[in-house]
């Protein structure tokens, strides 16, 4: 009798711990700005998990992506799509890469992906799990900075005299 009470109590505690763990994961997955995904190999590509906000970020309803995970490849920019077409095994490798997708409304989104392979007990790759972060704003800032640096170099390169920068400090150091 006591053994069954202890077993019942332990099972209740384990169920509660599992519930809390799932709730924590759900909170992170739903409210994180990053996309979390899990793909599985098979006769067809299978999407085991993807963050709920994927539909808004890719412009493809999540239900359609779950039915047809390959739709993601249709959103890739042509040059990024060619990378995967030239080397399909790259999808299943541990990697850090940047790529661009196009939404149906015509806007582009830059992504930074970090993923790792998932293996079975024999070490055979059966899928991949990863995180994708929208880095569109970072890319825009980098492009703006590069353009400003180019303009600065052009301006300085075309000056007929010498250009210098003087510190406002009392030592009057020239840079």
Protein backbone atom coordinates (compact mmCIF):
# COMPACT_ATOMS: atom_id res chain seq x y z
CA UNK A 1 0.00 0.00 0.00
CA UNK A 2 2.74 2.47 0.96
CA UNK A 3 4.76 1.51 -2.13
CA UNK A 4 1.81 2.31 -4.40
CA UNK A 5 1.28 5.67 -2.67
CA UNK A 6 4.98 6.51 -3.12
CA UNK A 7 4.86 5.41 -6.78
CA UNK A 8 1.71 7.45 -7.35
CA UNK A 9 3.29 10.51 -5.70
CA UNK A 10 6.49 10.14 -7.73
CA UNK A 11 4.49 9.81 -10.97
CA UNK A 12 2.51 12.94 -10.07
CA UNK A 13 5.75 14.85 -9.41
CA UNK A 14 7.25 13.67 -12.71
CA UNK A 15 4.10 14.69 -14.61
CA UNK A 16 4.21 18.11 -12.95
CA UNK A 17 7.91 18.52 -13.80
CA UNK A 18 7.23 17.52 -17.42
CA UNK A 19 4.32 19.96 -17.62
CA UNK A 20 6.46 22.82 -16.26
CA UNK A 21 9.29 21.96 -18.63
CA UNK A 22 6.92 22.01 -21.62
CA UNK A 23 5.44 25.31 -20.48
CA UNK A 24 8.91 26.87 -20.23
CA UNK A 25 9.79 25.61 -23.72
CA UNK A 26 6.47 26.85 -25.13
CA UNK A 27 7.02 30.28 -23.56
CA UNK A 28 10.50 30.58 -25.06
CA UNK A 29 9.44 29.26 -28.46
CA UNK A 30 6.35 31.46 -28.73
CA UNK A 31 7.82 34.72 -27.43
CA UNK A 32 11.36 34.50 -28.79
CA UNK A 33 12.10 36.60 -31.84
CA UNK A 34 14.22 33.78 -33.25
CA UNK A 35 12.74 30.87 -35.17
CA UNK A 36 13.33 27.43 -33.73
CA UNK A 37 12.96 24.51 -36.12
CA UNK A 38 13.40 20.76 -36.34
CA UNK A 39 13.49 18.96 -39.70
CA UNK A 40 13.57 15.19 -40.24
CA UNK A 41 14.81 13.16 -43.19
CA UNK A 42 12.69 10.48 -44.74
CA UNK A 43 11.01 9.72 -48.03
CA UNK A 44 9.80 13.31 -47.75
CA UNK A 45 11.06 16.22 -45.71
CA UNK A 46 9.21 16.43 -42.38
CA UNK A 47 8.91 19.50 -40.18
CA UNK A 48 8.76 18.19 -36.61
CA UNK A 49 8.64 21.64 -35.06
CA UNK A 50 8.75 25.27 -36.10
CA UNK A 51 8.08 28.38 -34.03
CA UNK A 52 4.52 29.67 -34.37
CA UNK A 53 5.62 33.07 -35.71
CA UNK A 54 7.18 31.49 -38.83
CA UNK A 55 4.07 32.23 -40.87
CA UNK A 56 4.32 35.95 -40.22
CA UNK A 57 8.07 36.06 -40.81
CA UNK A 58 8.10 34.04 -44.04
CA UNK A 59 4.71 35.10 -45.36
CA UNK A 60 3.59 31.47 -45.68
CA UNK A 61 0.90 30.09 -43.34
CA UNK A 62 2.36 27.70 -40.77
CA UNK A 63 -0.20 25.04 -41.68
CA UNK A 64 1.07 25.01 -45.28
CA UNK A 65 4.68 24.76 -44.10
CA UNK A 66 3.82 21.83 -41.84
CA UNK A 67 2.12 20.06 -44.75
CA UNK A 68 4.87 20.97 -47.25
CA UNK A 69 8.15 21.91 -45.53
CA UNK A 70 9.81 22.20 -48.94
CA UNK A 71 7.87 25.46 -49.44
CA UNK A 72 10.67 27.13 -47.47
CA UNK A 73 13.04 26.51 -50.38
CA UNK A 74 10.64 28.37 -52.66
CA UNK A 75 11.03 31.48 -50.49
CA UNK A 76 14.84 31.43 -50.72
CA UNK A 77 16.61 34.00 -52.88
CA UNK A 78 17.73 32.32 -56.14
CA UNK A 79 21.44 32.37 -55.26
CA UNK A 80 20.76 30.77 -51.87
CA UNK A 81 18.45 28.18 -53.42
CA UNK A 82 21.21 27.28 -55.89
CA UNK A 83 23.59 26.67 -52.97
CA UNK A 84 21.28 23.97 -51.60
CA UNK A 85 20.49 22.56 -55.05
CA UNK A 86 24.21 22.23 -55.83
CA UNK A 87 24.86 20.49 -52.50
CA UNK A 88 21.62 19.03 -51.03
CA UNK A 89 23.53 17.34 -48.19
CA UNK A 90 24.41 20.79 -46.85
CA UNK A 91 20.91 20.92 -45.35
CA UNK A 92 21.88 18.16 -42.90
CA UNK A 93 25.22 19.59 -41.76
CA UNK A 94 26.14 21.57 -38.70
CA UNK A 95 26.40 25.07 -40.03
CA UNK A 96 26.29 28.79 -39.45
CA UNK A 97 25.17 30.67 -42.53
CA UNK A 98 23.31 33.70 -43.76
CA UNK A 99 20.66 33.54 -46.43
CA UNK A 100 17.81 35.62 -47.78
CA UNK A 101 14.15 34.80 -48.30
CA UNK A 102 11.47 36.66 -50.22
CA UNK A 103 7.96 37.14 -48.88
CA UNK A 104 4.91 37.09 -51.13
CA UNK A 105 4.57 40.87 -50.63
CA UNK A 106 7.99 41.34 -52.31
CA UNK A 107 10.01 42.21 -49.21
CA UNK A 108 13.26 40.40 -48.48
CA UNK A 109 14.38 39.03 -45.12
CA UNK A 110 17.98 38.17 -44.25
CA UNK A 111 18.45 35.23 -41.87
CA UNK A 112 21.34 34.03 -39.79
CA UNK A 113 20.98 30.26 -39.31
CA UNK A 114 22.72 28.07 -36.78
CA UNK A 115 21.89 24.39 -36.85
CA UNK A 116 23.21 20.99 -35.86
CA UNK A 117 22.52 17.51 -37.11
CA UNK A 118 20.40 15.05 -35.13
CA UNK A 119 21.62 11.46 -35.22
CA UNK A 120 20.09 8.12 -34.34
CA UNK A 121 21.71 5.60 -31.98
CA UNK A 122 23.98 4.42 -34.83
CA UNK A 123 25.27 7.92 -35.55
CA UNK A 124 23.31 8.28 -38.79
CA UNK A 125 22.00 11.78 -39.44
CA UNK A 126 18.19 11.69 -39.30
CA UNK A 127 17.47 15.40 -39.16
CA UNK A 128 18.60 18.82 -38.07
CA UNK A 129 17.60 21.28 -35.38
CA UNK A 130 18.34 24.94 -35.54
CA UNK A 131 17.63 28.55 -34.85
CA UNK A 132 17.12 31.28 -37.42
CA UNK A 133 17.39 34.96 -36.57
CA UNK A 134 16.09 37.85 -38.68
CA UNK A 135 19.17 40.01 -39.37
CA UNK A 136 17.58 42.24 -42.01
CA UNK A 137 18.11 45.44 -40.03
CA UNK A 138 21.74 44.52 -39.32
CA UNK A 139 22.32 43.90 -43.05
CA UNK A 140 20.75 47.27 -43.89
CA UNK A 141 23.03 49.02 -41.40
CA UNK A 142 26.09 47.18 -42.75
CA UNK A 143 25.21 48.20 -46.32
CA UNK A 144 24.71 51.83 -45.26
CA UNK A 145 28.05 51.83 -43.44
CA UNK A 146 29.84 50.30 -46.44
CA UNK A 147 28.34 52.93 -48.74
CA UNK A 148 29.36 55.76 -46.41
CA UNK A 149 32.91 54.37 -46.16
CA UNK A 150 33.08 54.16 -49.96
CA UNK A 151 31.87 57.77 -50.27
CA UNK A 152 34.43 58.88 -47.66
CA UNK A 153 37.29 57.12 -49.49
CA UNK A 154 36.17 58.63 -52.81
CA UNK A 155 36.01 62.12 -51.32
CA UNK A 156 39.45 61.86 -49.69
CA UNK A 157 40.96 60.23 -52.77
CA UNK A 158 39.84 63.13 -54.99
CA UNK A 159 41.05 65.99 -52.80
CA UNK A 160 43.81 68.00 -54.51
CA UNK A 161 45.67 68.66 -51.24
CA UNK A 162 46.33 66.96 -47.96
CA UNK A 163 43.51 66.04 -45.59
CA UNK A 164 44.07 65.80 -41.87
CA UNK A 165 42.04 65.61 -38.71
CA UNK A 166 43.01 67.69 -35.73
CA UNK A 167 42.09 66.78 -32.17
CA UNK A 168 40.39 69.51 -30.15
CA UNK A 169 42.60 68.67 -27.16
CA UNK A 170 45.16 71.26 -26.08
CA UNK A 171 48.07 69.10 -27.31
CA UNK A 172 47.00 69.71 -30.94
CA UNK A 173 47.78 66.20 -32.11
CA UNK A 174 47.27 65.52 -35.80
CA UNK A 175 45.76 62.24 -36.91
